Amino acid sequence: MDIVYIRELEVETVIGVFDWERECKQTVSIDLDLGCDIRAAARSDQLTDALDYKAISHRVAAFVAVAEFQLVETLAESIARIILAEFPVTWLRLRLGKPGAVTGSRDTGVVIERGSGQA
């Protein structure tokens, strides 16, 4: 399986369980590894045969920007469902980080892996 990746997609969103977290947007950081077959694009050298990572980035960013979840786990699952339902991806690994969530830590979050039949 081939992997197309997106690293450190940063989006501001409402995320968290504490009152102060519900009042202001925080930045989350998203890494995606997207399983797909790139051979058709490699043969044709045409964008129409490639996985459109720009469209995926825009879709994810647009969703996250208006989302208002309490848990990073819920946000991660929601992003995975969108990608697997709307794009030709058979598998993904998603890392969702919430910088500053733990004092003294640069980043805290979750990593999930999902296949097209799991989200």
PDB file of N, CA and C in Angstrom:
ATOM      1  N   MET A   1       0.840  -1.177   0.000  1.00  0.00           N
ATOM      2  CA  MET A   1       0.000   0.000   0.000  1.00  0.00           C
ATOM      3  C   MET A   1       0.885   1.241   0.000  1.00  0.00           C
ATOM      4  N   ASP A   2       0.482   2.207  -0.791  1.00  0.00           N
ATOM      5  CA  ASP A   2       1.194   3.476  -0.841  1.00  0.00           C
ATOM      6  C   ASP A   2       0.579   4.420   0.195  1.00  0.00           C
ATOM      7  N   ILE A   3       1.355   5.407   0.600  1.00  0.00           N
ATOM      8  CA  ILE A   3       0.883   6.359   1.597  1.00  0.00           C
ATOM      9  C   ILE A   3       1.145   7.776   1.107  1.00  0.00           C
ATOM     10  N   VAL A   4       0.098   8.570   1.083  1.00  0.00           N
ATOM     11  CA  VAL A   4       0.202  10.013   0.867  1.00  0.00           C
ATOM     12  C   VAL A   4       0.061  10.630   2.255  1.00  0.00           C
ATOM     13  N   TYR A   5       0.921  11.591   2.590  1.00  0.00           N
ATOM     14  CA  TYR A   5       0.852  12.139   3.940  1.00  0.00           C
ATOM     15  C   TYR A   5       0.686  13.647   3.956  1.00  0.00           C
ATOM     16  N   ILE A   6       0.127  14.112   5.057  1.00  0.00           N
ATOM     17  CA  ILE A   6      -0.035  15.529   5.365  1.00  0.00           C
ATOM     18  C   ILE A   6       0.493  15.699   6.786  1.00  0.00           C
ATOM     19  N   ARG A   7       1.369  16.658   6.994  1.00  0.00           N
ATOM     20  CA  ARG A   7       1.971  16.865   8.312  1.00  0.00           C
ATOM     21  C   ARG A   7       1.646  18.250   8.858  1.00  0.00           C
ATOM     22  N   GLU A   8       1.359  18.262  10.157  1.00  0.00           N
ATOM     23  CA  GLU A   8       1.186  19.487  10.936  1.00  0.00           C
ATOM     24  C   GLU A   8       0.168  20.459  10.341  1.00  0.00           C
ATOM     25  N   LEU A   9      -0.979  19.929   9.968  1.00  0.00           N
ATOM     26  CA  LEU A   9      -2.092  20.773   9.552  1.00  0.00           C
ATOM     27  C   LEU A   9      -2.650  21.402  10.829  1.00  0.00           C
ATOM     28  N   GLU A  10      -2.490  22.706  10.970  1.00  0.00           N
ATOM     29  CA  GLU A  10      -2.913  23.392  12.187  1.00  0.00           C
ATOM     30  C   GLU A  10      -4.224  24.124  11.946  1.00  0.00           C
ATOM     31  N   VAL A  11      -5.181  23.893  12.864  1.00  0.00           N
ATOM     32  CA  VAL A  11      -6.512  24.480  12.756  1.00  0.00           C
ATOM     33  C   VAL A  11      -6.942  24.946  14.141  1.00  0.00           C
ATOM     34  N   GLU A  12      -7.578  26.091  14.194  1.00  0.00           N
ATOM     35  CA  GLU A  12      -8.127  26.583  15.454  1.00  0.00           C
ATOM     36  C   GLU A  12      -9.552  26.081  15.601  1.00  0.00           C
ATOM     37  N   THR A  13      -9.866  25.603  16.815  1.00  0.00           N
ATOM     38  CA  THR A  13     -11.184  25.029  17.072  1.00  0.00           C
ATOM     39  C   THR A  13     -11.523  25.125  18.546  1.00  0.00           C
ATOM     40  N   VAL A  14     -12.776  24.901  18.870  1.00  0.00           N
ATOM     41  CA  VAL A  14     -13.191  24.784  20.264  1.00  0.00           C
ATOM     42  C   VAL A  14     -13.044  23.317  20.639  1.00  0.00           C
ATOM     43  N   ILE A  15     -12.179  23.045  21.617  1.00  0.00           N
ATOM     44  CA  ILE A  15     -11.937  21.666  22.050  1.00  0.00           C
ATOM     45  C   ILE A  15     -11.591  21.673  23.541  1.00  0.00           C
ATOM     46  N   GLY A  16     -12.226  20.814  24.303  1.00  0.00           N
ATOM     47  CA  GLY A  16     -11.908  20.715  25.721  1.00  0.00           C
ATOM     48  C   GLY A  16     -13.143  20.615  26.584  1.00  0.00           C
ATOM     49  N   VAL A  17     -12.908  20.237  27.835  1.00  0.00           N
ATOM     50  CA  VAL A  17     -14.009  20.015  28.774  1.00  0.00           C
ATOM     51  C   VAL A  17     -14.167  21.140  29.784  1.00  0.00           C
ATOM     52  N   PHE A  18     -13.147  21.953  29.956  1.00  0.00           N
ATOM     53  CA  PHE A  18     -13.215  23.019  30.953  1.00  0.00           C
ATOM     54  C   PHE A  18     -13.911  24.245  30.376  1.00  0.00           C
ATOM     55  N   ASP A  19     -14.549  25.018  31.262  1.00  0.00           N
ATOM     56  CA  ASP A  19     -15.296  26.202  30.825  1.00  0.00           C
ATOM     57  C   ASP A  19     -14.443  27.140  29.988  1.00  0.00           C
ATOM     58  N   TRP A  20     -13.214  27.390  30.424  1.00  0.00           N
ATOM     59  CA  TRP A  20     -12.356  28.330  29.680  1.00  0.00           C
ATOM     60  C   TRP A  20     -12.039  27.801  28.288  1.00  0.00           C
ATOM     61  N   GLU A  21     -11.983  26.472  28.129  1.00  0.00           N
ATOM     62  CA  GLU A  21     -11.709  25.884  26.817  1.00  0.00           C
ATOM     63  C   GLU A  21     -12.889  26.046  25.864  1.00  0.00           C
ATOM     64  N   ARG A  22     -14.070  26.181  26.403  1.00  0.00           N
ATOM     65  CA  ARG A  22     -15.274  26.328  25.586  1.00  0.00           C
ATOM     66  C   ARG A  22     -15.465  27.780  25.127  1.00  0.00           C
ATOM     67  N   GLU A  23     -14.704  28.696  25.721  1.00  0.00           N
ATOM     68  CA  GLU A  23     -14.860  30.117  25.436  1.00  0.00           C
ATOM     69  C   GLU A  23     -13.884  30.658  24.398  1.00  0.00           C
ATOM     70  N   CYS A  24     -12.837  29.924  24.105  1.00  0.00           N
ATOM     71  CA  CYS A  24     -11.849  30.419  23.147  1.00  0.00           C
ATOM     72  C   CYS A  24     -11.342  29.263  22.285  1.00  0.00           C
ATOM     73  N   LYS A  25     -10.959  29.594  21.080  1.00  0.00           N
ATOM     74  CA  LYS A  25     -10.436  28.559  20.182  1.00  0.00           C
ATOM     75  C   LYS A  25      -8.993  28.233  20.545  1.00  0.00           C
ATOM     76  N   GLN A  26      -8.649  26.968  20.354  1.00  0.00           N
ATOM     77  CA  GLN A  26      -7.292  26.488  20.570  1.00  0.00           C
ATOM     78  C   GLN A  26      -6.802  25.854  19.274  1.00  0.00           C
ATOM     79  N   THR A  27      -5.506  25.824  19.109  1.00  0.00           N
ATOM     80  CA  THR A  27      -4.936  25.210  17.916  1.00  0.00           C
ATOM     81  C   THR A  27      -4.741  23.719  18.137  1.00  0.00           C
ATOM     82  N   VAL A  28      -5.206  22.930  17.179  1.00  0.00           N
ATOM     83  CA  VAL A  28      -4.885  21.511  17.157  1.00  0.00           C
ATOM     84  C   VAL A  28      -3.990  21.254  15.943  1.00  0.00           C
ATOM     85  N   SER A  29      -3.182  20.218  16.032  1.00  0.00           N
ATOM     86  CA  SER A  29      -2.265  19.858  14.956  1.00  0.00           C
ATOM     87  C   SER A  29      -2.614  18.452  14.476  1.00  0.00           C
ATOM     88  N   ILE A  30      -2.711  18.298  13.159  1.00  0.00           N
ATOM     89  CA  ILE A  30      -3.159  17.031  12.585  1.00  0.00           C
ATOM     90  C   ILE A  30      -2.112  16.504  11.612  1.00  0.00           C
ATOM     91  N   ASP A  31      -1.737  15.243  11.796  1.00  0.00           N
ATOM     92  CA  ASP A  31      -0.903  14.514  10.839  1.00  0.00           C
ATOM     93  C   ASP A  31      -1.751  13.397  10.262  1.00  0.00           C
ATOM     94  N   LEU A  32      -1.667  13.218   8.957  1.00  0.00           N
ATOM     95  CA  LEU A  32      -2.419  12.157   8.289  1.00  0.00           C
ATOM     96  C   LEU A  32      -1.499  11.317   7.428  1.00  0.00           C
ATOM     97  N   ASP A  33      -1.607  10.001   7.543  1.00  0.00           N
ATOM     98  CA  ASP A  33      -1.033   9.044   6.602  1.00  0.00           C
ATOM     99  C   ASP A  33      -2.232   8.395   5.926  1.00  0.00           C
ATOM    100  N   LEU A  34      -2.302   8.518   4.607  1.00  0.00           N
ATOM    101  CA  LEU A  34      -3.475   8.090   3.852  1.00  0.00           C
ATOM    102  C   LEU A  34      -3.113   6.959   2.902  1.00  0.00           C
ATOM    103  N   GLY A  35      -3.667   5.792   3.128  1.00  0.00           N
ATOM    104  CA  GLY A  35      -3.389   4.635   2.297  1.00  0.00           C
ATOM    105  C   GLY A  35      -4.177   4.667   1.006  1.00  0.00           C
ATOM    106  N   CYS A  36      -3.452   4.576  -0.104  1.00  0.00           N
ATOM    107  CA  CYS A  36      -4.082   4.586  -1.424  1.00  0.00           C
ATOM    108  C   CYS A  36      -3.083   3.996  -2.428  1.00  0.00           C
ATOM    109  N   ASP A  37      -3.547   3.775  -3.617  1.00  0.00           N
ATOM    110  CA  ASP A  37      -2.698   3.247  -4.681  1.00  0.00           C
ATOM    111  C   ASP A  37      -2.321   4.403  -5.601  1.00  0.00           C
ATOM    112  N   ILE A  38      -1.046   4.753  -5.659  1.00  0.00           N
ATOM    113  CA  ILE A  38      -0.619   5.907  -6.460  1.00  0.00           C
ATOM    114  C   ILE A  38      -0.137   5.524  -7.856  1.00  0.00           C
ATOM    115  N   ARG A  39      -0.216   4.251  -8.218  1.00  0.00           N
ATOM    116  CA  ARG A  39       0.354   3.813  -9.502  1.00  0.00           C
ATOM    117  C   ARG A  39      -0.281   4.470 -10.717  1.00  0.00           C
ATOM    118  N   ALA A  40      -1.597   4.655 -10.708  1.00  0.00           N
ATOM    119  CA  ALA A  40      -2.244   5.302 -11.866  1.00  0.00           C
ATOM    120  C   ALA A  40      -1.734   6.722 -12.044  1.00  0.00           C
ATOM    121  N   ALA A  41      -1.594   7.450 -10.958  1.00  0.00           N
ATOM    122  CA  ALA A  41      -1.071   8.824 -11.035  1.00  0.00           C
ATOM    123  C   ALA A  41       0.387   8.826 -11.482  1.00  0.00           C
ATOM    124  N   ALA A  42       1.156   7.867 -11.007  1.00  0.00           N
ATOM    125  CA  ALA A  42       2.568   7.791 -11.399  1.00  0.00           C
ATOM    126  C   ALA A  42       2.709   7.505 -12.894  1.00  0.00           C
ATOM    127  N   ARG A  43       1.838   6.649 -13.423  1.00  0.00           N
ATOM    128  CA  ARG A  43       1.876   6.327 -14.856  1.00  0.00           C
ATOM    129  C   ARG A  43       1.449   7.507 -15.721  1.00  0.00           C
ATOM    130  N   SER A  44       0.367   8.160 -15.309  1.00  0.00           N
ATOM    131  CA  SER A  44      -0.212   9.204 -16.169  1.00  0.00           C
ATOM    132  C   SER A  44       0.396  10.586 -15.936  1.00  0.00           C
ATOM    133  N   ASP A  45       0.932  10.801 -14.750  1.00  0.00           N
ATOM    134  CA  ASP A  45       1.451  12.117 -14.366  1.00  0.00           C
ATOM    135  C   ASP A  45       0.350  13.168 -14.428  1.00  0.00           C
ATOM    136  N   GLN A  46      -0.890  12.747 -14.129  1.00  0.00           N
ATOM    137  CA  GLN A  46      -2.044  13.633 -14.178  1.00  0.00           C
ATOM    138  C   GLN A  46      -2.673  13.764 -12.787  1.00  0.00           C
ATOM    139  N   LEU A  47      -2.966  14.987 -12.402  1.00  0.00           N
ATOM    140  CA  LEU A  47      -3.580  15.251 -11.105  1.00  0.00           C
ATOM    141  C   LEU A  47      -4.903  14.502 -10.935  1.00  0.00           C
ATOM    142  N   THR A  48      -5.641  14.329 -12.021  1.00  0.00           N
ATOM    143  CA  THR A  48      -6.936  13.659 -11.932  1.00  0.00           C
ATOM    144  C   THR A  48      -6.813  12.202 -11.484  1.00  0.00           C
ATOM    145  N   ASP A  49      -5.632  11.625 -11.610  1.00  0.00           N
ATOM    146  CA  ASP A  49      -5.404  10.239 -11.179  1.00  0.00           C
ATOM    147  C   ASP A  49      -4.798  10.151  -9.783  1.00  0.00           C
ATOM    148  N   ALA A  50      -4.529  11.290  -9.171  1.00  0.00           N
ATOM    149  CA  ALA A  50      -3.862  11.321  -7.868  1.00  0.00           C
ATOM    150  C   ALA A  50      -4.864  11.573  -6.743  1.00  0.00           C
ATOM    151  N   LEU A  51      -4.479  11.179  -5.538  1.00  0.00           N
ATOM    152  CA  LEU A  51      -5.260  11.523  -4.362  1.00  0.00           C
ATOM    153  C   LEU A  51      -5.085  13.026  -4.125  1.00  0.00           C
ATOM    154  N   ASP A  52      -6.167  13.741  -4.043  1.00  0.00           N
ATOM    155  CA  ASP A  52      -6.124  15.199  -3.927  1.00  0.00           C
ATOM    156  C   ASP A  52      -5.926  15.595  -2.462  1.00  0.00           C
ATOM    157  N   TYR A  53      -4.658  15.625  -2.044  1.00  0.00           N
ATOM    158  CA  TYR A  53      -4.369  15.939  -0.642  1.00  0.00           C
ATOM    159  C   TYR A  53      -4.730  17.377  -0.280  1.00  0.00           C
ATOM    160  N   LYS A  54      -4.757  18.269  -1.252  1.00  0.00           N
ATOM    161  CA  LYS A  54      -5.183  19.641  -0.979  1.00  0.00           C
ATOM    162  C   LYS A  54      -6.673  19.665  -0.640  1.00  0.00           C
ATOM    163  N   ALA A  55      -7.478  18.915  -1.387  1.00  0.00           N
ATOM    164  CA  ALA A  55      -8.917  18.843  -1.098  1.00  0.00           C
ATOM    165  C   ALA A  55      -9.160  18.215   0.275  1.00  0.00           C
ATOM    166  N   ILE A  56      -8.385  17.193   0.601  1.00  0.00           N
ATOM    167  CA  ILE A  56      -8.519  16.561   1.923  1.00  0.00           C
ATOM    168  C   ILE A  56      -8.167  17.560   3.019  1.00  0.00           C
ATOM    169  N   SER A  57      -7.067  18.277   2.848  1.00  0.00           N
ATOM    170  CA  SER A  57      -6.648  19.270   3.844  1.00  0.00           C
ATOM    171  C   SER A  57      -7.715  20.334   4.043  1.00  0.00           C
ATOM    172  N   HIS A  58      -8.267  20.825   2.941  1.00  0.00           N
ATOM    173  CA  HIS A  58      -9.307  21.861   3.026  1.00  0.00           C
ATOM    174  C   HIS A  58     -10.561  21.323   3.710  1.00  0.00           C
ATOM    175  N   ARG A  59     -10.963  20.104   3.376  1.00  0.00           N
ATOM    176  CA  ARG A  59     -12.164  19.510   3.972  1.00  0.00           C
ATOM    177  C   ARG A  59     -11.993  19.321   5.471  1.00  0.00           C
ATOM    178  N   VAL A  60     -10.828  18.777   5.863  1.00  0.00           N
ATOM    179  CA  VAL A  60     -10.555  18.548   7.283  1.00  0.00           C
ATOM    180  C   VAL A  60     -10.504  19.884   8.026  1.00  0.00           C
ATOM    181  N   ALA A  61      -9.779  20.854   7.494  1.00  0.00           N
ATOM    182  CA  ALA A  61      -9.653  22.154   8.158  1.00  0.00           C
ATOM    183  C   ALA A  61     -11.007  22.841   8.307  1.00  0.00           C
ATOM    184  N   ALA A  62     -11.836  22.775   7.270  1.00  0.00           N
ATOM    185  CA  ALA A  62     -13.157  23.402   7.325  1.00  0.00           C
ATOM    186  C   ALA A  62     -14.028  22.744   8.402  1.00  0.00           C
ATOM    187  N   PHE A  63     -13.966  21.422   8.494  1.00  0.00           N
ATOM    188  CA  PHE A  63     -14.746  20.710   9.506  1.00  0.00           C
ATOM    189  C   PHE A  63     -14.258  21.044  10.911  1.00  0.00           C
ATOM    190  N   VAL A  64     -12.955  20.948  11.122  1.00  0.00           N
ATOM    191  CA  VAL A  64     -12.384  21.161  12.453  1.00  0.00           C
ATOM    192  C   VAL A  64     -12.635  22.594  12.931  1.00  0.00           C
ATOM    193  N   ALA A  65     -12.561  23.558  12.030  1.00  0.00           N
ATOM    194  CA  ALA A  65     -12.725  24.967  12.405  1.00  0.00           C
ATOM    195  C   ALA A  65     -14.095  25.264  13.020  1.00  0.00           C
ATOM    196  N   VAL A  66     -15.120  24.522  12.621  1.00  0.00           N
ATOM    197  CA  VAL A  66     -16.460  24.775  13.162  1.00  0.00           C
ATOM    198  C   VAL A  66     -16.891  23.726  14.193  1.00  0.00           C
ATOM    199  N   ALA A  67     -16.079  22.695  14.392  1.00  0.00           N
ATOM    200  CA  ALA A  67     -16.402  21.649  15.360  1.00  0.00           C
ATOM    201  C   ALA A  67     -16.283  22.198  16.781  1.00  0.00           C
ATOM    202  N   GLU A  68     -17.033  21.603  17.678  1.00  0.00           N
ATOM    203  CA  GLU A  68     -16.962  21.999  19.089  1.00  0.00           C
ATOM    204  C   GLU A  68     -17.072  20.755  19.959  1.00  0.00           C
ATOM    205  N   PHE A  69     -16.053  19.913  19.906  1.00  0.00           N
ATOM    206  CA  PHE A  69     -16.040  18.688  20.698  1.00  0.00           C
ATOM    207  C   PHE A  69     -15.355  18.913  22.040  1.00  0.00           C
ATOM    208  N   GLN A  70     -15.658  18.053  22.978  1.00  0.00           N
ATOM    209  CA  GLN A  70     -14.969  18.090  24.266  1.00  0.00           C
ATOM    210  C   GLN A  70     -13.672  17.288  24.208  1.00  0.00           C
ATOM    211  N   LEU A  71     -13.695  16.145  23.532  1.00  0.00           N
ATOM    212  CA  LEU A  71     -12.555  15.229  23.552  1.00  0.00           C
ATOM    213  C   LEU A  71     -11.841  15.165  22.209  1.00  0.00           C
ATOM    214  N   VAL A  72     -10.508  15.068  22.250  1.00  0.00           N
ATOM    215  CA  VAL A  72      -9.733  14.886  21.021  1.00  0.00           C
ATOM    216  C   VAL A  72     -10.064  13.540  20.388  1.00  0.00           C
ATOM    217  N   GLU A  73     -10.448  12.566  21.192  1.00  0.00           N
ATOM    218  CA  GLU A  73     -10.826  11.260  20.666  1.00  0.00           C
ATOM    219  C   GLU A  73     -12.031  11.369  19.731  1.00  0.00           C
ATOM    220  N   THR A  74     -13.022  12.147  20.126  1.00  0.00           N
ATOM    221  CA  THR A  74     -14.223  12.318  19.317  1.00  0.00           C
ATOM    222  C   THR A  74     -13.911  13.066  18.029  1.00  0.00           C
ATOM    223  N   LEU A  75     -13.091  14.100  18.132  1.00  0.00           N
ATOM    224  CA  LEU A  75     -12.699  14.853  16.945  1.00  0.00           C
ATOM    225  C   LEU A  75     -11.916  13.969  15.976  1.00  0.00           C
ATOM    226  N   ALA A  76     -10.997  13.170  16.489  1.00  0.00           N
ATOM    227  CA  ALA A  76     -10.202  12.278  15.637  1.00  0.00           C
ATOM    228  C   ALA A  76     -11.094  11.282  14.894  1.00  0.00           C
ATOM    229  N   GLU A  77     -12.022  10.661  15.593  1.00  0.00           N
ATOM    230  CA  GLU A  77     -12.936   9.699  14.963  1.00  0.00           C
ATOM    231  C   GLU A  77     -13.782  10.372  13.882  1.00  0.00           C
ATOM    232  N   SER A  78     -14.237  11.576  14.158  1.00  0.00           N
ATOM    233  CA  SER A  78     -15.066  12.303  13.193  1.00  0.00           C
ATOM    234  C   SER A  78     -14.280  12.629  11.927  1.00  0.00           C
ATOM    235  N   ILE A  79     -13.046  13.054  12.077  1.00  0.00           N
ATOM    236  CA  ILE A  79     -12.190  13.342  10.919  1.00  0.00           C
ATOM    237  C   ILE A  79     -11.963  12.067  10.106  1.00  0.00           C
ATOM    238  N   ALA A  80     -11.665  10.963  10.782  1.00  0.00           N
ATOM    239  CA  ALA A  80     -11.428   9.690  10.087  1.00  0.00           C
ATOM    240  C   ALA A  80     -12.653   9.274   9.284  1.00  0.00           C
ATOM    241  N   ARG A  81     -13.832   9.395   9.859  1.00  0.00           N
ATOM    242  CA  ARG A  81     -15.066   9.024   9.151  1.00  0.00           C
ATOM    243  C   ARG A  81     -15.249   9.854   7.886  1.00  0.00           C
ATOM    244  N   ILE A  82     -15.004  11.146   7.981  1.00  0.00           N
ATOM    245  CA  ILE A  82     -15.152  12.032   6.822  1.00  0.00           C
ATOM    246  C   ILE A  82     -14.200  11.616   5.703  1.00  0.00           C
ATOM    247  N   ILE A  83     -12.941  11.424   6.033  1.00  0.00           N
ATOM    248  CA  ILE A  83     -11.946  11.081   5.008  1.00  0.00           C
ATOM    249  C   ILE A  83     -12.281   9.761   4.334  1.00  0.00           C
ATOM    250  N   LEU A  84     -12.600   8.741   5.131  1.00  0.00           N
ATOM    251  CA  LEU A  84     -12.881   7.422   4.559  1.00  0.00           C
ATOM    252  C   LEU A  84     -14.171   7.412   3.741  1.00  0.00           C
ATOM    253  N   ALA A  85     -15.119   8.262   4.093  1.00  0.00           N
ATOM    254  CA  ALA A  85     -16.397   8.312   3.361  1.00  0.00           C
ATOM    255  C   ALA A  85     -16.307   9.140   2.084  1.00  0.00           C
ATOM    256  N   GLU A  86     -15.472  10.173   2.080  1.00  0.00           N
ATOM    257  CA  GLU A  86     -15.501  11.132   0.980  1.00  0.00           C
ATOM    258  C   GLU A  86     -14.325  11.054   0.013  1.00  0.00           C
ATOM    259  N   PHE A  87     -13.295  10.308   0.355  1.00  0.00           N
ATOM    260  CA  PHE A  87     -12.099  10.263  -0.487  1.00  0.00           C
ATOM    261  C   PHE A  87     -11.674   8.819  -0.737  1.00  0.00           C
ATOM    262  N   PRO A  88     -10.965   8.556  -1.844  1.00  0.00           N
ATOM    263  CA  PRO A  88     -10.551   7.190  -2.173  1.00  0.00           C
ATOM    264  C   PRO A  88      -9.337   6.738  -1.351  1.00  0.00           C
ATOM    265  N   VAL A  89      -9.574   6.613  -0.055  1.00  0.00           N
ATOM    266  CA  VAL A  89      -8.550   6.201   0.899  1.00  0.00           C
ATOM    267  C   VAL A  89      -9.020   4.894   1.521  1.00  0.00           C
ATOM    268  N   THR A  90      -8.164   3.889   1.552  1.00  0.00           N
ATOM    269  CA  THR A  90      -8.560   2.595   2.107  1.00  0.00           C
ATOM    270  C   THR A  90      -8.162   2.430   3.566  1.00  0.00           C
ATOM    271  N   TRP A  91      -7.223   3.245   4.015  1.00  0.00           N
ATOM    272  CA  TRP A  91      -6.700   3.160   5.375  1.00  0.00           C
ATOM    273  C   TRP A  91      -6.121   4.515   5.741  1.00  0.00           C
ATOM    274  N   LEU A  92      -6.175   4.848   7.030  1.00  0.00           N
ATOM    275  CA  LEU A  92      -5.505   6.073   7.465  1.00  0.00           C
ATOM    276  C   LEU A  92      -4.956   5.931   8.864  1.00  0.00           C
ATOM    277  N   ARG A  93      -3.912   6.684   9.106  1.00  0.00           N
ATOM    278  CA  ARG A  93      -3.377   6.884  10.459  1.00  0.00           C
ATOM    279  C   ARG A  93      -3.493   8.384  10.702  1.00  0.00           C
ATOM    280  N   LEU A  94      -4.127   8.750  11.799  1.00  0.00           N
ATOM    281  CA  LEU A  94      -4.354  10.147  12.116  1.00  0.00           C
ATOM    282  C   LEU A  94      -3.775  10.440  13.490  1.00  0.00           C
ATOM    283  N   ARG A  95      -2.940  11.470  13.551  1.00  0.00           N
ATOM    284  CA  ARG A  95      -2.427  11.951  14.835  1.00  0.00           C
ATOM    285  C   ARG A  95      -3.050  13.310  15.063  1.00  0.00           C
ATOM    286  N   LEU A  96      -3.739  13.465  16.187  1.00  0.00           N
ATOM    287  CA  LEU A  96      -4.363  14.731  16.542  1.00  0.00           C
ATOM    288  C   LEU A  96      -3.732  15.208  17.836  1.00  0.00           C
ATOM    289  N   GLY A  97      -2.999  16.317  17.752  1.00  0.00           N
ATOM    290  CA  GLY A  97      -2.322  16.858  18.915  1.00  0.00           C
ATOM    291  C   GLY A  97      -2.972  18.130  19.400  1.00  0.00           C
ATOM    292  N   LYS A  98      -2.949  18.301  20.704  1.00  0.00           N
ATOM    293  CA  LYS A  98      -3.467  19.509  21.345  1.00  0.00           C
ATOM    294  C   LYS A  98      -2.315  20.125  22.144  1.00  0.00           C
ATOM    295  N   PRO A  99      -1.522  20.966  21.478  1.00  0.00           N
ATOM    296  CA  PRO A  99      -0.370  21.579  22.151  1.00  0.00           C
ATOM    297  C   PRO A  99      -0.804  22.346  23.403  1.00  0.00           C
ATOM    298  N   GLY A 100      -0.018  22.205  24.455  1.00  0.00           N
ATOM    299  CA  GLY A 100      -0.297  22.927  25.688  1.00  0.00           C
ATOM    300  C   GLY A 100      -1.338  22.291  26.583  1.00  0.00           C
ATOM    301  N   ALA A 101      -1.849  21.135  26.225  1.00  0.00           N
ATOM    302  CA  ALA A 101      -2.889  20.495  27.042  1.00  0.00           C
ATOM    303  C   ALA A 101      -2.344  20.018  28.389  1.00  0.00           C
ATOM    304  N   VAL A 102      -1.079  19.649  28.420  1.00  0.00           N
ATOM    305  CA  VAL A 102      -0.442  19.197  29.653  1.00  0.00           C
ATOM    306  C   VAL A 102       0.735  20.122  29.940  1.00  0.00           C
ATOM    307  N   THR A 103       0.729  20.732  31.099  1.00  0.00           N
ATOM    308  CA  THR A 103       1.807  21.642  31.488  1.00  0.00           C
ATOM    309  C   THR A 103       3.146  20.917  31.424  1.00  0.00           C
ATOM    310  N   GLY A 104       4.108  21.546  30.764  1.00  0.00           N
ATOM    311  CA  GLY A 104       5.433  20.970  30.636  1.00  0.00           C
ATOM    312  C   GLY A 104       5.604  20.086  29.415  1.00  0.00           C
ATOM    313  N   SER A 105       4.510  19.834  28.704  1.00  0.00           N
ATOM    314  CA  SER A 105       4.553  19.000  27.507  1.00  0.00           C
ATOM    315  C   SER A 105       4.333  19.871  26.281  1.00  0.00           C
ATOM    316  N   ARG A 106       5.077  19.606  25.225  1.00  0.00           N
ATOM    317  CA  ARG A 106       4.888  20.363  23.990  1.00  0.00           C
ATOM    318  C   ARG A 106       3.580  19.992  23.303  1.00  0.00           C
ATOM    319  N   ASP A 107       3.170  18.722  23.398  1.00  0.00           N
ATOM    320  CA  ASP A 107       1.982  18.269  22.686  1.00  0.00           C
ATOM    321  C   ASP A 107       1.419  17.027  23.366  1.00  0.00           C
ATOM    322  N   THR A 108       0.100  16.888  23.303  1.00  0.00           N
ATOM    323  CA  THR A 108      -0.599  15.732  23.841  1.00  0.00           C
ATOM    324  C   THR A 108      -1.749  15.423  22.888  1.00  0.00           C
ATOM    325  N   GLY A 109      -2.060  14.152  22.707  1.00  0.00           N
ATOM    326  CA  GLY A 109      -3.170  13.837  21.822  1.00  0.00           C
ATOM    327  C   GLY A 109      -3.365  12.359  21.635  1.00  0.00           C
ATOM    328  N   VAL A 110      -3.905  12.001  20.460  1.00  0.00           N
ATOM    329  CA  VAL A 110      -4.195  10.605  20.147  1.00  0.00           C
ATOM    330  C   VAL A 110      -3.684  10.267  18.749  1.00  0.00           C
ATOM    331  N   VAL A 111      -3.443   8.986  18.547  1.00  0.00           N
ATOM    332  CA  VAL A 111      -3.135   8.440  17.226  1.00  0.00           C
ATOM    333  C   VAL A 111      -4.111   7.304  16.998  1.00  0.00           C
ATOM    334  N   ILE A 112      -4.827   7.354  15.866  1.00  0.00           N
ATOM    335  CA  ILE A 112      -5.745   6.268  15.525  1.00  0.00           C
ATOM    336  C   ILE A 112      -5.442   5.751  14.138  1.00  0.00           C
ATOM    337  N   GLU A 113      -5.758   4.501  13.906  1.00  0.00           N
ATOM    338  CA  GLU A 113      -5.677   3.901  12.562  1.00  0.00           C
ATOM    339  C   GLU A 113      -7.032   3.318  12.242  1.00  0.00           C
ATOM    340  N   ARG A 114      -7.497   3.594  11.033  1.00  0.00           N
ATOM    341  CA  ARG A 114      -8.800   3.095  10.598  1.00  0.00           C
ATOM    342  C   ARG A 114      -8.743   2.653   9.161  1.00  0.00           C
ATOM    343  N   GLY A 115      -9.489   1.614   8.830  1.00  0.00           N
ATOM    344  CA  GLY A 115      -9.648   1.164   7.457  1.00  0.00           C
ATOM    345  C   GLY A 115     -11.038   1.514   6.985  1.00  0.00           C
ATOM    346  N   SER A 116     -11.282   1.345   5.689  1.00  0.00           N
ATOM    347  CA  SER A 116     -12.553   1.773   5.124  1.00  0.00           C
ATOM    348  C   SER A 116     -13.753   1.072   5.754  1.00  0.00           C
ATOM    349  N   GLY A 117     -13.575  -0.069   6.383  1.00  0.00           N
ATOM    350  CA  GLY A 117     -14.688  -0.737   7.037  1.00  0.00           C
ATOM    351  C   GLY A 117     -14.767  -0.493   8.538  1.00  0.00           C
ATOM    352  N   GLN A 118     -13.891   0.373   9.081  1.00  0.00           N
ATOM    353  CA  GLN A 118     -13.830   0.537  10.534  1.00  0.00           C
ATOM    354  C   GLN A 118     -14.367   1.855  11.058  1.00  0.00           C
ATOM    355  N   ALA A 119     -14.444   2.885  10.253  1.00  0.00           N
ATOM    356  CA  ALA A 119     -14.810   4.200  10.799  1.00  0.00           C
ATOM    357  C   ALA A 119     -16.281   4.303  11.051  1.00  0.00           C
TER     358      ALA A 119
END
